C-alpha atoms as a PDB file:
ATOM      1  CA  MET A   1       9.345  21.502  -7.636  1.00  0.00           C
ATOM      2  CA  THR A   2       8.240  18.378  -5.615  1.00  0.00           C
ATOM      3  CA  PRO A   3       8.022  14.521  -6.906  1.00  0.00           C
ATOM      4  CA  GLU A   4       3.955  14.933  -6.344  1.00  0.00           C
ATOM      5  CA  HIS A   5       4.120  17.347 -10.028  1.00  0.00           C
ATOM      6  CA  ARG A   6       5.768  14.443 -11.878  1.00  0.00           C
ATOM      7  CA  ILE A   7       3.722  12.827 -14.766  1.00  0.00           C
ATOM      8  CA  PRO A   8       4.194   9.155 -15.525  1.00  0.00           C
ATOM      9  CA  VAL A   9       5.734   8.487 -19.348  1.00  0.00           C
ATOM     10  CA  LYS A  10       7.295   5.491 -20.820  1.00  0.00           C
ATOM     11  CA  ALA A  11      10.573   5.924 -22.835  1.00  0.00           C
ATOM     12  CA  GLY A  12      10.096   6.668 -26.749  1.00  0.00           C
ATOM     13  CA  GLN A  13       6.789   8.338 -25.936  1.00  0.00           C
ATOM     14  CA  ARG A  14       5.870  10.776 -28.415  1.00  0.00           C
ATOM     15  CA  LEU A  15       4.499  14.240 -26.245  1.00  0.00           C
ATOM     16  CA  THR A  16       3.860  17.789 -27.123  1.00  0.00           C
ATOM     17  CA  PHE A  17       4.236  20.616 -24.338  1.00  0.00           C
ATOM     18  CA  VAL A  18       2.126  23.720 -25.249  1.00  0.00           C
ATOM     19  CA  ALA A  19       0.949  27.024 -23.925  1.00  0.00           C
ATOM     20  CA  ALA A  20      -0.634  30.229 -24.594  1.00  0.00           C
ATOM     21  CA  VAL A  21       1.899  33.284 -23.495  1.00  0.00           C
ATOM     22  CA  ARG A  22       2.124  36.958 -23.273  1.00  0.00           C
ATOM     23  CA  HIS A  23       3.827  39.200 -21.442  1.00  0.00           C
ATOM     24  CA  ALA A  24       7.018  37.122 -21.518  1.00  0.00           C
ATOM     25  CA  SER A  25      10.356  38.956 -20.335  1.00  0.00           C
ATOM     26  CA  PRO A  26      13.559  37.811 -22.335  1.00  0.00           C
ATOM     27  CA  GLY A  27      14.826  34.626 -21.000  1.00  0.00           C
ATOM     28  CA  SER A  28      11.711  33.167 -20.344  1.00  0.00           C
ATOM     29  CA  ARG A  29      11.683  29.343 -20.748  1.00  0.00           C
ATOM     30  CA  ALA A  30       9.882  26.235 -21.612  1.00  0.00           C
ATOM     31  CA  THR A  31      10.983  23.349 -19.475  1.00  0.00           C
ATOM     32  CA  LEU A  32      10.435  19.553 -19.548  1.00  0.00           C
ATOM     33  CA  ALA A  33      12.532  17.758 -16.798  1.00  0.00           C
ATOM     34  CA  TRP A  34      13.029  13.997 -17.055  1.00  0.00           C
ATOM     35  CA  TYR A  35      13.453  11.530 -14.262  1.00  0.00           C
ATOM     36  CA  ALA A  36      14.292   7.686 -14.173  1.00  0.00           C
ATOM     37  CA  GLY A  37      12.113   7.535 -10.791  1.00  0.00           C
ATOM     38  CA  ALA A  38       9.416   9.474  -8.735  1.00  0.00           C
ATOM     39  CA  GLU A  39      12.238  10.355  -7.034  1.00  0.00           C
ATOM     40  CA  GLY A  40      15.471  11.637  -7.246  1.00  0.00           C
ATOM     41  CA  PRO A  41      17.240  14.773  -9.177  1.00  0.00           C
ATOM     42  CA  SER A  42      16.205  14.638 -13.427  1.00  0.00           C
ATOM     43  CA  SER A  43      18.442  12.748 -15.814  1.00  0.00           C
ATOM     44  CA  ALA A  44      17.965  15.154 -18.593  1.00  0.00           C
ATOM     45  CA  THR A  45      16.119  18.139 -19.505  1.00  0.00           C
ATOM     46  CA  THR A  46      14.251  20.021 -22.774  1.00  0.00           C
ATOM     47  CA  GLU A  47      14.474  23.873 -22.977  1.00  0.00           C
ATOM     48  CA  VAL A  48      12.711  25.881 -25.198  1.00  0.00           C
ATOM     49  CA  THR A  49      13.392  29.712 -25.313  1.00  0.00           C
ATOM     50  CA  VAL A  50       9.909  31.472 -25.130  1.00  0.00           C
ATOM     51  CA  PRO A  51       9.950  34.446 -27.500  1.00  0.00           C
ATOM     52  CA  PRO A  52       9.919  38.139 -25.431  1.00  0.00           C
ATOM     53  CA  SER A  53       6.211  39.310 -26.348  1.00  0.00           C
ATOM     54  CA  SER A  54       3.871  42.273 -24.769  1.00  0.00           C
ATOM     55  CA  SER A  55       1.079  42.573 -22.311  1.00  0.00           C
ATOM     56  CA  ASP A  56      -0.955  43.205 -25.204  1.00  0.00           C
ATOM     57  CA  ALA A  57      -3.836  40.682 -25.388  1.00  0.00           C
ATOM     58  CA  ASP A  58      -3.297  40.494 -29.463  1.00  0.00           C
ATOM     59  CA  ASP A  59       0.529  39.175 -28.678  1.00  0.00           C
ATOM     60  CA  CYS A  60      -0.425  36.375 -26.947  1.00  0.00           C
ATOM     61  CA  ARG A  61       1.934  33.384 -28.575  1.00  0.00           C
ATOM     62  CA  GLN A  62       1.461  29.636 -28.375  1.00  0.00           C
ATOM     63  CA  VAL A  63       4.597  28.083 -27.509  1.00  0.00           C
ATOM     64  CA  ARG A  64       4.968  24.420 -28.494  1.00  0.00           C
ATOM     65  CA  VAL A  65       7.692  21.903 -27.967  1.00  0.00           C
ATOM     66  CA  ASP A  66       7.679  18.326 -29.176  1.00  0.00           C
ATOM     67  CA  VAL A  67       9.384  15.865 -27.597  1.00  0.00           C
ATOM     68  CA  THR A  68      10.314  11.902 -27.532  1.00  0.00           C
ATOM     69  CA  ALA A  69      10.637  10.403 -23.635  1.00  0.00           C
ATOM     70  CA  PRO A  70      14.246   9.940 -23.721  1.00  0.00           C
ATOM     71  CA  ALA A  71      15.391   5.947 -22.697  1.00  0.00           C
ATOM     72  CA  GLY A  72      15.425   5.402 -19.109  1.00  0.00           C
ATOM     73  CA  THR A  73      12.654   7.875 -18.109  1.00  0.00           C
ATOM     74  CA  THR A  74       9.265   7.023 -16.414  1.00  0.00           C
ATOM     75  CA  PHE A  75       8.299  10.428 -15.539  1.00  0.00           C
ATOM     76  CA  VAL A  76       8.208  14.490 -17.015  1.00  0.00           C
ATOM     77  CA  GLN A  77       7.707  17.609 -14.982  1.00  0.00           C
ATOM     78  CA  PRO A  78       6.775  20.598 -17.282  1.00  0.00           C
ATOM     79  CA  ALA A  79       7.539  23.862 -16.158  1.00  0.00           C
ATOM     80  CA  LEU A  80       7.484  27.631 -17.430  1.00  0.00           C
ATOM     81  CA  ARG A  81      10.911  29.636 -16.013  1.00  0.00           C
ATOM     82  CA  LEU A  82      11.768  32.996 -15.503  1.00  0.00           C
ATOM     83  CA  LEU A  83      15.475  34.746 -15.380  1.00  0.00           C
ATOM     84  CA  PRO A  84      15.962  36.385 -11.921  1.00  0.00           C
ATOM     85  CA  PRO A  85      14.387  39.733 -11.483  1.00  0.00           C
ATOM     86  CA  GLU A  86      16.500  42.793 -13.247  1.00  0.00           C
ATOM     87  CA  SER A  87      16.026  45.027 -10.511  1.00  0.00           C
ATOM     88  CA  SER A  88      13.518  45.060  -7.239  1.00  0.00           C
ATOM     89  CA  VAL A  89      11.418  47.636  -9.070  1.00  0.00           C
ATOM     90  CA  ARG A  90      10.885  45.516 -12.291  1.00  0.00           C
ATOM     91  CA  GLY A  91      10.431  41.705 -11.660  1.00  0.00           C
ATOM     92  CA  SER A  92      10.526  39.267 -14.651  1.00  0.00           C
ATOM     93  CA  ARG A  93       7.021  38.424 -15.948  1.00  0.00           C
ATOM     94  CA  LEU A  94       5.334  35.875 -17.917  1.00  0.00           C
ATOM     95  CA  ALA A  95       1.608  35.769 -18.219  1.00  0.00           C
ATOM     96  CA  VAL A  96       0.341  31.877 -19.504  1.00  0.00           C
ATOM     97  CA  ASP A  97      -2.921  30.511 -20.341  1.00  0.00           C
ATOM     98  CA  ASP A  98      -4.210  26.799 -22.087  1.00  0.00           C
ATOM     99  CA  VAL A  99      -1.233  24.665 -20.489  1.00  0.00           C
ATOM    100  CA  SER A 100      -1.084  21.355 -22.113  1.00  0.00           C
ATOM    101  CA  LEU A 101       0.934  18.188 -22.242  1.00  0.00           C
ATOM    102  CA  VAL A 102      -0.219  16.121 -24.761  1.00  0.00           C
ATOM    103  CA  ARG A 103       0.562  12.532 -25.005  1.00  0.00           C
ATOM    104  CA  TRP A 104      -0.061  11.371 -28.547  1.00  0.00           C
ATOM    105  CA  GLY A 105      -1.465   8.011 -29.293  1.00  0.00           C
ATOM    106  CA  GLU A 106      -0.731   5.346 -31.938  1.00  0.00           C
ATOM    107  CA  GLU A 107      -1.548   6.270 -35.856  1.00  0.00           C
ATOM    108  CA  GLY A 108      -5.193   5.132 -36.592  1.00  0.00           C
ATOM    109  CA  GLY A 109      -5.896   5.071 -32.778  1.00  0.00           C
ATOM    110  CA  SER A 110      -9.298   6.292 -31.770  1.00  0.00           C
ATOM    111  CA  SER A 111     -11.425   6.346 -28.395  1.00  0.00           C
ATOM    112  CA  ALA A 112     -13.490   8.553 -26.148  1.00  0.00           C
ATOM    113  CA  ARG A 113      -9.882   8.724 -24.243  1.00  0.00           C
ATOM    114  CA  PHE A 114      -8.477  10.983 -27.021  1.00  0.00           C
ATOM    115  CA  ASP A 115      -9.055  14.667 -26.645  1.00  0.00           C
ATOM    116  CA  THR A 116      -6.738  16.299 -29.437  1.00  0.00           C
ATOM    117  CA  VAL A 117      -6.133  15.675 -33.011  1.00  0.00           C
ATOM    118  CA  LEU A 118      -2.966  17.178 -34.628  1.00  0.00           C
ATOM    119  CA  ALA A 119      -3.654  17.835 -38.813  1.00  0.00           C
ATOM    120  CA  GLU A 120      -0.654  19.113 -41.136  1.00  0.00           C
ATOM    121  CA  ARG A 121      -2.649  19.232 -43.926  1.00  0.00           C
ATOM    122  CA  ALA A 122      -6.336  20.262 -44.718  1.00  0.00           C
ATOM    123  CA  THR A 123      -8.201  17.201 -43.062  1.00  0.00           C
ATOM    124  CA  ALA A 124     -11.885  16.359 -42.577  1.00  0.00           C
ATOM    125  CA  VAL A 125     -12.479  15.412 -38.967  1.00  0.00           C
ATOM    126  CA  THR A 126     -15.796  13.981 -37.955  1.00  0.00           C
ATOM    127  CA  LEU A 127     -16.754  14.269 -34.240  1.00  0.00           C
ATOM    128  CA  GLN A 128     -19.091  12.345 -32.401  1.00  0.00           C
ATOM    129  CA  GLN A 129     -20.477  12.980 -29.020  1.00  0.00           C
ATOM    130  CA  VAL A 130     -21.492   9.380 -27.404  1.00  0.00           C
ATOM    131  CA  THR A 131     -24.683  10.041 -24.794  1.00  0.00           C
ATOM    132  CA  PRO A 132     -25.078   7.714 -22.288  1.00  0.00           C
ATOM    133  CA  THR A 133     -28.275   6.649 -23.121  1.00  0.00           C
ATOM    134  CA  ALA A 134     -28.874   4.234 -26.313  1.00  0.00           C
ATOM    135  CA  ALA A 135     -32.339   5.968 -26.534  1.00  0.00           C
ATOM    136  CA  THR A 136     -30.897   9.136 -28.433  1.00  0.00           C
ATOM    137  CA  GLU A 137     -29.215   9.378 -31.694  1.00  0.00           C
ATOM    138  CA  PRO A 138     -25.585  11.001 -31.213  1.00  0.00           C
ATOM    139  CA  THR A 139     -24.453  13.988 -32.376  1.00  0.00           C
ATOM    140  CA  VAL A 140     -22.354  14.495 -35.347  1.00  0.00           C
ATOM    141  CA  LEU A 141     -19.964  17.492 -35.674  1.00  0.00           C
ATOM    142  CA  ARG A 142     -17.844  18.113 -38.655  1.00  0.00           C
ATOM    143  CA  ALA A 143     -15.061  20.171 -38.864  1.00  0.00           C
ATOM    144  CA  THR A 144     -12.341  20.901 -41.492  1.00  0.00           C
ATOM    145  CA  SER A 145      -8.880  21.843 -40.146  1.00  0.00           C
ATOM    146  CA  SER A 146      -5.868  23.985 -42.025  1.00  0.00           C
ATOM    147  CA  PRO A 147      -2.570  22.740 -41.870  1.00  0.00           C
ATOM    148  CA  VAL A 148      -0.536  23.124 -38.638  1.00  0.00           C
ATOM    149  CA  THR A 149       2.193  25.698 -39.115  1.00  0.00           C
ATOM    150  CA  ALA A 150       5.369  26.290 -36.792  1.00  0.00           C
ATOM    151  CA  LEU A 151       4.820  28.444 -33.624  1.00  0.00           C
ATOM    152  CA  ALA A 152       6.692  31.126 -32.658  1.00  0.00           C
ATOM    153  CA  GLY A 153       9.510  29.389 -30.484  1.00  0.00           C
ATOM    154  CA  ALA A 154       8.544  25.982 -31.441  1.00  0.00           C
ATOM    155  CA  THR A 155      10.967  22.926 -32.862  1.00  0.00           C
ATOM    156  CA  GLU A 156       8.773  22.200 -36.179  1.00  0.00           C
ATOM    157  CA  PRO A 157       6.401  19.507 -35.480  1.00  0.00           C
ATOM    158  CA  SER A 158       8.053  15.270 -36.243  1.00  0.00           C
ATOM    159  CA  LEU A 159       4.427  13.994 -36.420  1.00  0.00           C
ATOM    160  CA  SER A 160       3.976  13.247 -40.454  1.00  0.00           C
ATOM    161  CA  ARG A 161       0.341  12.406 -39.617  1.00  0.00           C
ATOM    162  CA  THR A 162      -3.269  12.699 -38.308  1.00  0.00           C
ATOM    163  CA  GLU A 163      -3.087  11.780 -34.532  1.00  0.00           C
ATOM    164  CA  GLU A 164      -4.883  11.902 -31.451  1.00  0.00           C
ATOM    165  CA  THR A 165      -3.845  12.066 -27.892  1.00  0.00           C
ATOM    166  CA  GLU A 166      -4.770  10.098 -24.830  1.00  0.00           C
ATOM    167  CA  ARG A 167      -6.529  11.745 -21.851  1.00  0.00           C
ATOM    168  CA  PRO A 168      -4.513  11.257 -18.752  1.00  0.00           C
END
């Protein structure tokens, strides 16, 4: 991994690394490496084991890591890692889709820059599509969510309210 793939963060910033996985070999891991600068070695690492799963399309699981950027860090580099292959015939494997690193906004914040909402209890959410012309009325969508449940391989969500994320 190279420094070009590091993502700027602020110490104390709340983040969620999430990915949909299947066909996971035992020992697969979701990793966040923390850095004090744009170059140099990592100062800390956060890892969560990805639960083994089959290649069946119905066996897709969401892996989630909720973290707070450690003090002294200015960059993070997310990764998914595999153990070395068992043999030259049978290699390690992991199918991944919908990978995101969510940077949570402040409570009550709203903006077109936000693209993710977390609801830990039944919540009514109103979404409004803003169009570039003032001549048309905005489209309003309404959705009701169910509480978020603990996800396989994830830490318990530490967020206690509905929040939004800022787009990078």
